[in-house]
PDB file of N, CA and C in Angstrom:
ATOM      1  N   MET A   1     -32.303 -34.196 -68.753  1.00  0.00           N
ATOM      2  CA  MET A   1     -32.898 -32.921 -68.379  1.00  0.00           C
ATOM      3  C   MET A   1     -34.157 -33.179 -67.546  1.00  0.00           C
ATOM      4  N   ASP A   2     -34.270 -32.488 -66.428  1.00  0.00           N
ATOM      5  CA  ASP A   2     -35.428 -32.627 -65.557  1.00  0.00           C
ATOM      6  C   ASP A   2     -36.607 -31.831 -66.098  1.00  0.00           C
ATOM      7  N   TYR A   3     -37.800 -32.289 -65.742  1.00  0.00           N
ATOM      8  CA  TYR A   3     -39.013 -31.572 -66.105  1.00  0.00           C
ATOM      9  C   TYR A   3     -39.143 -30.334 -65.223  1.00  0.00           C
ATOM     10  N   ILE A   4     -39.339 -29.190 -65.827  1.00  0.00           N
ATOM     11  CA  ILE A   4     -39.519 -27.933 -65.096  1.00  0.00           C
ATOM     12  C   ILE A   4     -41.002 -27.575 -65.134  1.00  0.00           C
ATOM     13  N   ARG A   5     -41.549 -27.281 -63.995  1.00  0.00           N
ATOM     14  CA  ARG A   5     -42.966 -26.944 -63.883  1.00  0.00           C
ATOM     15  C   ARG A   5     -43.301 -25.717 -64.738  1.00  0.00           C
ATOM     16  N   PRO A   6     -44.508 -25.710 -65.339  1.00  0.00           N
ATOM     17  CA  PRO A   6     -44.888 -24.633 -66.269  1.00  0.00           C
ATOM     18  C   PRO A   6     -44.820 -23.216 -65.699  1.00  0.00           C
ATOM     19  N   TYR A   7     -45.100 -23.028 -64.435  1.00  0.00           N
ATOM     20  CA  TYR A   7     -45.130 -21.678 -63.879  1.00  0.00           C
ATOM     21  C   TYR A   7     -43.794 -21.237 -63.294  1.00  0.00           C
ATOM     22  N   ALA A   8     -42.758 -22.005 -63.487  1.00  0.00           N
ATOM     23  CA  ALA A   8     -41.452 -21.680 -62.907  1.00  0.00           C
ATOM     24  C   ALA A   8     -40.962 -20.313 -63.382  1.00  0.00           C
ATOM     25  N   ASP A   9     -41.044 -20.037 -64.664  1.00  0.00           N
ATOM     26  CA  ASP A   9     -40.564 -18.745 -65.176  1.00  0.00           C
ATOM     27  C   ASP A   9     -41.336 -17.582 -64.564  1.00  0.00           C
ATOM     28  N   ASP A  10     -42.650 -17.741 -64.405  1.00  0.00           N
ATOM     29  CA  ASP A  10     -43.456 -16.681 -63.788  1.00  0.00           C
ATOM     30  C   ASP A  10     -43.009 -16.410 -62.357  1.00  0.00           C
ATOM     31  N   LEU A  11     -42.782 -17.474 -61.607  1.00  0.00           N
ATOM     32  CA  LEU A  11     -42.379 -17.298 -60.211  1.00  0.00           C
ATOM     33  C   LEU A  11     -40.972 -16.719 -60.103  1.00  0.00           C
ATOM     34  N   VAL A  12     -40.066 -17.134 -60.969  1.00  0.00           N
ATOM     35  CA  VAL A  12     -38.717 -16.553 -60.987  1.00  0.00           C
ATOM     36  C   VAL A  12     -38.818 -15.049 -61.240  1.00  0.00           C
ATOM     37  N   ARG A  13     -39.629 -14.669 -62.179  1.00  0.00           N
ATOM     38  CA  ARG A  13     -39.808 -13.250 -62.514  1.00  0.00           C
ATOM     39  C   ARG A  13     -40.389 -12.484 -61.314  1.00  0.00           C
ATOM     40  N   ARG A  14     -41.370 -13.079 -60.654  1.00  0.00           N
ATOM     41  CA  ARG A  14     -41.983 -12.424 -59.492  1.00  0.00           C
ATOM     42  C   ARG A  14     -40.982 -12.236 -58.357  1.00  0.00           C
ATOM     43  N   LEU A  15     -40.151 -13.242 -58.138  1.00  0.00           N
ATOM     44  CA  LEU A  15     -39.176 -13.155 -57.051  1.00  0.00           C
ATOM     45  C   LEU A  15     -38.072 -12.149 -57.355  1.00  0.00           C
ATOM     46  N   ALA A  16     -37.885 -11.824 -58.620  1.00  0.00           N
ATOM     47  CA  ALA A  16     -36.872 -10.838 -59.006  1.00  0.00           C
ATOM     48  C   ALA A  16     -37.382  -9.404 -58.853  1.00  0.00           C
ATOM     49  N   GLU A  17     -38.694  -9.237 -58.717  1.00  0.00           N
ATOM     50  CA  GLU A  17     -39.280  -7.912 -58.550  1.00  0.00           C
ATOM     51  C   GLU A  17     -38.993  -7.375 -57.151  1.00  0.00           C
ATOM     52  N   PRO A  18     -39.064  -6.036 -56.996  1.00  0.00           N
ATOM     53  CA  PRO A  18     -38.963  -5.482 -55.639  1.00  0.00           C
ATOM     54  C   PRO A  18     -40.060  -6.086 -54.757  1.00  0.00           C
ATOM     55  N   ARG A  19     -39.726  -6.355 -53.511  1.00  0.00           N
ATOM     56  CA  ARG A  19     -40.679  -7.001 -52.603  1.00  0.00           C
ATOM     57  C   ARG A  19     -41.821  -6.050 -52.262  1.00  0.00           C
ATOM     58  N   ARG A  20     -43.026  -6.387 -52.718  1.00  0.00           N
ATOM     59  CA  ARG A  20     -44.216  -5.626 -52.372  1.00  0.00           C
ATOM     60  C   ARG A  20     -45.327  -6.539 -51.907  1.00  0.00           C
ATOM     61  N   PHE A  21     -45.357  -7.751 -52.439  1.00  0.00           N
ATOM     62  CA  PHE A  21     -46.454  -8.670 -52.154  1.00  0.00           C
ATOM     63  C   PHE A  21     -45.908 -10.045 -51.799  1.00  0.00           C
ATOM     64  N   ILE A  22     -46.701 -10.801 -51.072  1.00  0.00           N
ATOM     65  CA  ILE A  22     -46.349 -12.204 -50.888  1.00  0.00           C
ATOM     66  C   ILE A  22     -46.796 -12.951 -52.142  1.00  0.00           C
ATOM     67  N   GLN A  23     -46.164 -14.054 -52.400  1.00  0.00           N
ATOM     68  CA  GLN A  23     -46.537 -14.889 -53.543  1.00  0.00           C
ATOM     69  C   GLN A  23     -47.216 -16.138 -52.991  1.00  0.00           C
ATOM     70  N   VAL A  24     -48.380 -16.440 -53.501  1.00  0.00           N
ATOM     71  CA  VAL A  24     -49.145 -17.591 -53.039  1.00  0.00           C
ATOM     72  C   VAL A  24     -49.284 -18.564 -54.196  1.00  0.00           C
ATOM     73  N   ILE A  25     -48.904 -19.796 -53.947  1.00  0.00           N
ATOM     74  CA  ILE A  25     -49.043 -20.847 -54.957  1.00  0.00           C
ATOM     75  C   ILE A  25     -50.204 -21.734 -54.511  1.00  0.00           C
ATOM     76  N   THR A  26     -51.243 -21.790 -55.328  1.00  0.00           N
ATOM     77  CA  THR A  26     -52.410 -22.601 -54.989  1.00  0.00           C
ATOM     78  C   THR A  26     -52.697 -23.586 -56.107  1.00  0.00           C
ATOM     79  N   GLY A  27     -53.429 -24.616 -55.759  1.00  0.00           N
ATOM     80  CA  GLY A  27     -53.829 -25.601 -56.752  1.00  0.00           C
ATOM     81  C   GLY A  27     -54.281 -26.870 -56.058  1.00  0.00           C
ATOM     82  N   PRO A  28     -54.837 -27.783 -56.819  1.00  0.00           N
ATOM     83  CA  PRO A  28     -55.292 -29.048 -56.247  1.00  0.00           C
ATOM     84  C   PRO A  28     -54.128 -29.838 -55.643  1.00  0.00           C
ATOM     85  N   ARG A  29     -54.466 -30.798 -54.850  1.00  0.00           N
ATOM     86  CA  ARG A  29     -53.458 -31.665 -54.229  1.00  0.00           C
ATOM     87  C   ARG A  29     -52.661 -32.407 -55.295  1.00  0.00           C
ATOM     88  N   GLN A  30     -51.392 -32.611 -54.993  1.00  0.00           N
ATOM     89  CA  GLN A  30     -50.515 -33.480 -55.784  1.00  0.00           C
ATOM     90  C   GLN A  30     -50.275 -33.024 -57.226  1.00  0.00           C
ATOM     91  N   VAL A  31     -50.314 -31.705 -57.466  1.00  0.00           N
ATOM     92  CA  VAL A  31     -50.048 -31.224 -58.832  1.00  0.00           C
ATOM     93  C   VAL A  31     -48.626 -30.695 -59.005  1.00  0.00           C
ATOM     94  N   GLY A  32     -47.864 -30.618 -57.884  1.00  0.00           N
ATOM     95  CA  GLY A  32     -46.476 -30.192 -58.003  1.00  0.00           C
ATOM     96  C   GLY A  32     -46.174 -28.806 -57.485  1.00  0.00           C
ATOM     97  N   LYS A  33     -46.997 -28.276 -56.603  1.00  0.00           N
ATOM     98  CA  LYS A  33     -46.754 -26.922 -56.076  1.00  0.00           C
ATOM     99  C   LYS A  33     -45.433 -26.846 -55.307  1.00  0.00           C
ATOM    100  N   THR A  34     -45.210 -27.799 -54.435  1.00  0.00           N
ATOM    101  CA  THR A  34     -43.966 -27.808 -53.654  1.00  0.00           C
ATOM    102  C   THR A  34     -42.769 -28.013 -54.567  1.00  0.00           C
ATOM    103  N   THR A  35     -42.898 -28.908 -55.518  1.00  0.00           N
ATOM    104  CA  THR A  35     -41.813 -29.151 -56.474  1.00  0.00           C
ATOM    105  C   THR A  35     -41.504 -27.879 -57.261  1.00  0.00           C
ATOM    106  N   LEU A  36     -42.531 -27.171 -57.682  1.00  0.00           N
ATOM    107  CA  LEU A  36     -42.346 -25.906 -58.401  1.00  0.00           C
ATOM    108  C   LEU A  36     -41.517 -24.934 -57.569  1.00  0.00           C
ATOM    109  N   VAL A  37     -41.883 -24.755 -56.325  1.00  0.00           N
ATOM    110  CA  VAL A  37     -41.173 -23.809 -55.468  1.00  0.00           C
ATOM    111  C   VAL A  37     -39.727 -24.266 -55.255  1.00  0.00           C
ATOM    112  N   GLN A  38     -39.528 -25.543 -55.021  1.00  0.00           N
ATOM    113  CA  GLN A  38     -38.163 -26.051 -54.843  1.00  0.00           C
ATOM    114  C   GLN A  38     -37.319 -25.833 -56.093  1.00  0.00           C
ATOM    115  N   GLN A  39     -37.901 -26.065 -57.263  1.00  0.00           N
ATOM    116  CA  GLN A  39     -37.174 -25.848 -58.516  1.00  0.00           C
ATOM    117  C   GLN A  39     -36.789 -24.378 -58.672  1.00  0.00           C
ATOM    118  N   VAL A  40     -37.696 -23.483 -58.350  1.00  0.00           N
ATOM    119  CA  VAL A  40     -37.434 -22.056 -58.502  1.00  0.00           C
ATOM    120  C   VAL A  40     -36.357 -21.600 -57.519  1.00  0.00           C
ATOM    121  N   ILE A  41     -36.428 -22.061 -56.293  1.00  0.00           N
ATOM    122  CA  ILE A  41     -35.414 -21.689 -55.304  1.00  0.00           C
ATOM    123  C   ILE A  41     -34.041 -22.173 -55.763  1.00  0.00           C
ATOM    124  N   GLU A  42     -33.992 -23.397 -56.253  1.00  0.00           N
ATOM    125  CA  GLU A  42     -32.716 -23.938 -56.748  1.00  0.00           C
ATOM    126  C   GLU A  42     -32.209 -23.133 -57.937  1.00  0.00           C
ATOM    127  N   ARG A  43     -33.103 -22.801 -58.824  1.00  0.00           N
ATOM    128  CA  ARG A  43     -32.732 -22.062 -60.044  1.00  0.00           C
ATOM    129  C   ARG A  43     -32.237 -20.657 -59.735  1.00  0.00           C
ATOM    130  N   THR A  44     -32.871 -19.979 -58.787  1.00  0.00           N
ATOM    131  CA  THR A  44     -32.492 -18.604 -58.478  1.00  0.00           C
ATOM    132  C   THR A  44     -31.306 -18.525 -57.527  1.00  0.00           C
ATOM    133  N   GLY A  45     -31.092 -19.581 -56.777  1.00  0.00           N
ATOM    134  CA  GLY A  45     -30.007 -19.565 -55.805  1.00  0.00           C
ATOM    135  C   GLY A  45     -30.318 -18.732 -54.571  1.00  0.00           C
ATOM    136  N   LEU A  46     -31.559 -18.290 -54.436  1.00  0.00           N
ATOM    137  CA  LEU A  46     -31.930 -17.509 -53.255  1.00  0.00           C
ATOM    138  C   LEU A  46     -31.912 -18.386 -52.013  1.00  0.00           C
ATOM    139  N   PRO A  47     -31.415 -17.853 -50.903  1.00  0.00           N
ATOM    140  CA  PRO A  47     -31.502 -18.625 -49.673  1.00  0.00           C
ATOM    141  C   PRO A  47     -32.973 -18.755 -49.275  1.00  0.00           C
ATOM    142  N   ALA A  48     -33.329 -19.877 -48.696  1.00  0.00           N
ATOM    143  CA  ALA A  48     -34.731 -20.103 -48.380  1.00  0.00           C
ATOM    144  C   ALA A  48     -34.898 -20.852 -47.073  1.00  0.00           C
ATOM    145  N   ARG A  49     -36.000 -20.582 -46.433  1.00  0.00           N
ATOM    146  CA  ARG A  49     -36.435 -21.310 -45.247  1.00  0.00           C
ATOM    147  C   ARG A  49     -37.705 -22.045 -45.657  1.00  0.00           C
ATOM    148  N   PHE A  50     -37.657 -23.378 -45.641  1.00  0.00           N
ATOM    149  CA  PHE A  50     -38.822 -24.200 -45.938  1.00  0.00           C
ATOM    150  C   PHE A  50     -39.389 -24.712 -44.632  1.00  0.00           C
ATOM    151  N   ALA A  51     -40.694 -24.581 -44.448  1.00  0.00           N
ATOM    152  CA  ALA A  51     -41.351 -25.125 -43.274  1.00  0.00           C
ATOM    153  C   ALA A  51     -42.710 -25.651 -43.698  1.00  0.00           C
ATOM    154  N   SER A  52     -43.096 -26.774 -43.143  1.00  0.00           N
ATOM    155  CA  SER A  52     -44.372 -27.379 -43.493  1.00  0.00           C
ATOM    156  C   SER A  52     -45.283 -27.414 -42.282  1.00  0.00           C
ATOM    157  N   ALA A  53     -46.519 -27.015 -42.478  1.00  0.00           N
ATOM    158  CA  ALA A  53     -47.513 -27.053 -41.405  1.00  0.00           C
ATOM    159  C   ALA A  53     -47.979 -28.470 -41.125  1.00  0.00           C
ATOM    160  N   ASP A  54     -47.440 -29.442 -41.827  1.00  0.00           N
ATOM    161  CA  ASP A  54     -47.730 -30.843 -41.529  1.00  0.00           C
ATOM    162  C   ASP A  54     -46.945 -31.331 -40.311  1.00  0.00           C
ATOM    163  N   GLU A  55     -46.008 -30.501 -39.832  1.00  0.00           N
ATOM    164  CA  GLU A  55     -45.170 -30.901 -38.703  1.00  0.00           C
ATOM    165  C   GLU A  55     -46.028 -31.211 -37.478  1.00  0.00           C
ATOM    166  N   PRO A  56     -45.719 -32.282 -36.777  1.00  0.00           N
ATOM    167  CA  PRO A  56     -46.529 -32.639 -35.606  1.00  0.00           C
ATOM    168  C   PRO A  56     -46.394 -31.661 -34.449  1.00  0.00           C
ATOM    169  N   THR A  57     -45.354 -30.832 -34.446  1.00  0.00           N
ATOM    170  CA  THR A  57     -45.154 -29.874 -33.355  1.00  0.00           C
ATOM    171  C   THR A  57     -45.891 -28.556 -33.587  1.00  0.00           C
ATOM    172  N   LEU A  58     -46.678 -28.482 -34.635  1.00  0.00           N
ATOM    173  CA  LEU A  58     -47.404 -27.262 -34.967  1.00  0.00           C
ATOM    174  C   LEU A  58     -48.287 -26.835 -33.797  1.00  0.00           C
ATOM    175  N   ARG A  59     -48.175 -25.568 -33.418  1.00  0.00           N
ATOM    176  CA  ARG A  59     -48.929 -25.086 -32.270  1.00  0.00           C
ATOM    177  C   ARG A  59     -49.870 -23.925 -32.591  1.00  0.00           C
ATOM    178  N   GLY A  60     -49.969 -23.499 -33.827  1.00  0.00           N
ATOM    179  CA  GLY A  60     -50.874 -22.401 -34.158  1.00  0.00           C
ATOM    180  C   GLY A  60     -50.145 -21.216 -34.755  1.00  0.00           C
ATOM    181  N   GLY A  61     -50.724 -20.035 -34.563  1.00  0.00           N
ATOM    182  CA  GLY A  61     -50.191 -18.808 -35.154  1.00  0.00           C
ATOM    183  C   GLY A  61     -48.761 -18.496 -34.752  1.00  0.00           C
ATOM    184  N   ASP A  62     -48.371 -18.906 -33.550  1.00  0.00           N
ATOM    185  CA  ASP A  62     -46.988 -18.673 -33.118  1.00  0.00           C
ATOM    186  C   ASP A  62     -45.990 -19.367 -34.040  1.00  0.00           C
ATOM    187  N   TRP A  63     -46.413 -20.469 -34.616  1.00  0.00           N
ATOM    188  CA  TRP A  63     -45.544 -21.219 -35.528  1.00  0.00           C
ATOM    189  C   TRP A  63     -45.136 -20.351 -36.708  1.00  0.00           C
ATOM    190  N   ILE A  64     -46.084 -19.594 -37.259  1.00  0.00           N
ATOM    191  CA  ILE A  64     -45.768 -18.714 -38.389  1.00  0.00           C
ATOM    192  C   ILE A  64     -44.750 -17.664 -37.973  1.00  0.00           C
ATOM    193  N   GLU A  65     -44.930 -17.088 -36.806  1.00  0.00           N
ATOM    194  CA  GLU A  65     -43.975 -16.089 -36.309  1.00  0.00           C
ATOM    195  C   GLU A  65     -42.580 -16.701 -36.140  1.00  0.00           C
ATOM    196  N   GLN A  66     -42.513 -17.910 -35.647  1.00  0.00           N
ATOM    197  CA  GLN A  66     -41.226 -18.590 -35.482  1.00  0.00           C
ATOM    198  C   GLN A  66     -40.533 -18.789 -36.831  1.00  0.00           C
ATOM    199  N   GLN A  67     -41.305 -19.166 -37.833  1.00  0.00           N
ATOM    200  CA  GLN A  67     -40.733 -19.379 -39.169  1.00  0.00           C
ATOM    201  C   GLN A  67     -40.267 -18.057 -39.767  1.00  0.00           C
ATOM    202  N   TRP A  68     -41.041 -17.003 -39.548  1.00  0.00           N
ATOM    203  CA  TRP A  68     -40.670 -15.671 -40.029  1.00  0.00           C
ATOM    204  C   TRP A  68     -39.336 -15.244 -39.431  1.00  0.00           C
ATOM    205  N   GLU A  69     -39.205 -15.417 -38.120  1.00  0.00           N
ATOM    206  CA  GLU A  69     -37.962 -15.034 -37.443  1.00  0.00           C
ATOM    207  C   GLU A  69     -36.782 -15.881 -37.935  1.00  0.00           C
ATOM    208  N   ALA A  70     -37.013 -17.159 -38.169  1.00  0.00           N
ATOM    209  CA  ALA A  70     -35.945 -18.026 -38.688  1.00  0.00           C
ATOM    210  C   ALA A  70     -35.516 -17.552 -40.077  1.00  0.00           C
ATOM    211  N   ALA A  71     -36.480 -17.170 -40.900  1.00  0.00           N
ATOM    212  CA  ALA A  71     -36.156 -16.666 -42.245  1.00  0.00           C
ATOM    213  C   ALA A  71     -35.425 -15.334 -42.158  1.00  0.00           C
ATOM    214  N   ARG A  72     -35.805 -14.495 -41.243  1.00  0.00           N
ATOM    215  CA  ARG A  72     -35.105 -13.204 -41.066  1.00  0.00           C
ATOM    216  C   ARG A  72     -33.650 -13.428 -40.700  1.00  0.00           C
ATOM    217  N   GLY A  73     -33.381 -14.499 -39.955  1.00  0.00           N
ATOM    218  CA  GLY A  73     -32.005 -14.825 -39.606  1.00  0.00           C
ATOM    219  C   GLY A  73     -31.166 -15.140 -40.827  1.00  0.00           C
ATOM    220  N   ILE A  74     -31.784 -15.707 -41.834  1.00  0.00           N
ATOM    221  CA  ILE A  74     -31.077 -16.009 -43.083  1.00  0.00           C
ATOM    222  C   ILE A  74     -30.724 -14.717 -43.820  1.00  0.00           C
ATOM    223  N   THR A  75     -31.601 -13.727 -43.751  1.00  0.00           N
ATOM    224  CA  THR A  75     -31.395 -12.503 -44.523  1.00  0.00           C
ATOM    225  C   THR A  75     -30.202 -11.699 -44.046  1.00  0.00           C
ATOM    226  N   THR A  76     -29.738 -11.937 -42.839  1.00  0.00           N
ATOM    227  CA  THR A  76     -28.583 -11.180 -42.356  1.00  0.00           C
ATOM    228  C   THR A  76     -27.312 -11.527 -43.118  1.00  0.00           C
ATOM    229  N   THR A  77     -27.282 -12.718 -43.720  1.00  0.00           N
ATOM    230  CA  THR A  77     -26.103 -13.117 -44.487  1.00  0.00           C
ATOM    231  C   THR A  77     -26.356 -13.101 -45.992  1.00  0.00           C
ATOM    232  N   ALA A  78     -27.583 -12.812 -46.391  1.00  0.00           N
ATOM    233  CA  ALA A  78     -27.932 -12.821 -47.812  1.00  0.00           C
ATOM    234  C   ALA A  78     -27.982 -11.391 -48.348  1.00  0.00           C
ATOM    235  N   ARG A  79     -27.362 -11.183 -49.479  1.00  0.00           N
ATOM    236  CA  ARG A  79     -27.322  -9.836 -50.068  1.00  0.00           C
ATOM    237  C   ARG A  79     -28.677  -9.396 -50.603  1.00  0.00           C
ATOM    238  N   HIS A  80     -29.442 -10.325 -51.145  1.00  0.00           N
ATOM    239  CA  HIS A  80     -30.698  -9.959 -51.802  1.00  0.00           C
ATOM    240  C   HIS A  80     -31.907 -10.558 -51.106  1.00  0.00           C
ATOM    241  N   GLY A  81     -31.822 -10.751 -49.816  1.00  0.00           N
ATOM    242  CA  GLY A  81     -32.948 -11.278 -49.077  1.00  0.00           C
ATOM    243  C   GLY A  81     -33.022 -12.790 -49.139  1.00  0.00           C
ATOM    244  N   ALA A  82     -34.126 -13.295 -48.664  1.00  0.00           N
ATOM    245  CA  ALA A  82     -34.349 -14.734 -48.621  1.00  0.00           C
ATOM    246  C   ALA A  82     -35.824 -14.995 -48.871  1.00  0.00           C
ATOM    247  N   VAL A  83     -36.148 -16.248 -49.064  1.00  0.00           N
ATOM    248  CA  VAL A  83     -37.527 -16.645 -49.325  1.00  0.00           C
ATOM    249  C   VAL A  83     -38.004 -17.516 -48.168  1.00  0.00           C
ATOM    250  N   LEU A  84     -39.184 -17.213 -47.658  1.00  0.00           N
ATOM    251  CA  LEU A  84     -39.830 -18.043 -46.648  1.00  0.00           C
ATOM    252  C   LEU A  84     -40.935 -18.825 -47.338  1.00  0.00           C
ATOM    253  N   VAL A  85     -40.849 -20.139 -47.291  1.00  0.00           N
ATOM    254  CA  VAL A  85     -41.848 -21.005 -47.913  1.00  0.00           C
ATOM    255  C   VAL A  85     -42.602 -21.709 -46.799  1.00  0.00           C
ATOM    256  N   LEU A  86     -43.909 -21.440 -46.710  1.00  0.00           N
ATOM    257  CA  LEU A  86     -44.765 -22.096 -45.736  1.00  0.00           C
ATOM    258  C   LEU A  86     -45.670 -23.064 -46.487  1.00  0.00           C
ATOM    259  N   ASP A  87     -45.273 -24.310 -46.477  1.00  0.00           N
ATOM    260  CA  ASP A  87     -46.020 -25.358 -47.178  1.00  0.00           C
ATOM    261  C   ASP A  87     -47.179 -25.823 -46.293  1.00  0.00           C
ATOM    262  N   GLU A  88     -48.319 -26.057 -46.906  1.00  0.00           N
ATOM    263  CA  GLU A  88     -49.529 -26.507 -46.200  1.00  0.00           C
ATOM    264  C   GLU A  88     -49.980 -25.507 -45.130  1.00  0.00           C
ATOM    265  N   VAL A  89     -49.764 -24.217 -45.385  1.00  0.00           N
ATOM    266  CA  VAL A  89     -50.079 -23.178 -44.403  1.00  0.00           C
ATOM    267  C   VAL A  89     -51.579 -23.146 -44.065  1.00  0.00           C
ATOM    268  N   GLN A  90     -52.414 -23.657 -44.938  1.00  0.00           N
ATOM    269  CA  GLN A  90     -53.857 -23.668 -44.663  1.00  0.00           C
ATOM    270  C   GLN A  90     -54.201 -24.540 -43.463  1.00  0.00           C
ATOM    271  N   LYS A  91     -53.280 -25.362 -43.012  1.00  0.00           N
ATOM    272  CA  LYS A  91     -53.515 -26.232 -41.864  1.00  0.00           C
ATOM    273  C   LYS A  91     -53.264 -25.526 -40.528  1.00  0.00           C
ATOM    274  N   VAL A  92     -52.741 -24.308 -40.574  1.00  0.00           N
ATOM    275  CA  VAL A  92     -52.524 -23.550 -39.347  1.00  0.00           C
ATOM    276  C   VAL A  92     -53.870 -23.000 -38.881  1.00  0.00           C
ATOM    277  N   PRO A  93     -54.258 -23.264 -37.636  1.00  0.00           N
ATOM    278  CA  PRO A  93     -55.556 -22.774 -37.151  1.00  0.00           C
ATOM    279  C   PRO A  93     -55.637 -21.241 -37.173  1.00  0.00           C
ATOM    280  N   HIS A  94     -56.801 -20.735 -37.469  1.00  0.00           N
ATOM    281  CA  HIS A  94     -57.137 -19.298 -37.452  1.00  0.00           C
ATOM    282  C   HIS A  94     -56.331 -18.530 -38.447  1.00  0.00           C
TER     283      HIS A  94
END
């Protein structure tokens, strides 16, 4: 049995709610935030778009719009929407 991050149940519950707010996962470096999100996505079976701002091709605010549009493309085939995960988003300028 794999270790499941402590906040997994909370995030699963939040993602099951009607969409009203974005969900932000914060915490110190290397505590398992990305792992938590990956576990929850796997557990819920929701389609997801993962993108990391660590990518060397990052160009600024347009990058976020590109990821949003890519995630919207997933929702056309998903019955209950999709999840957009922007990892290391604090590295995007402005």
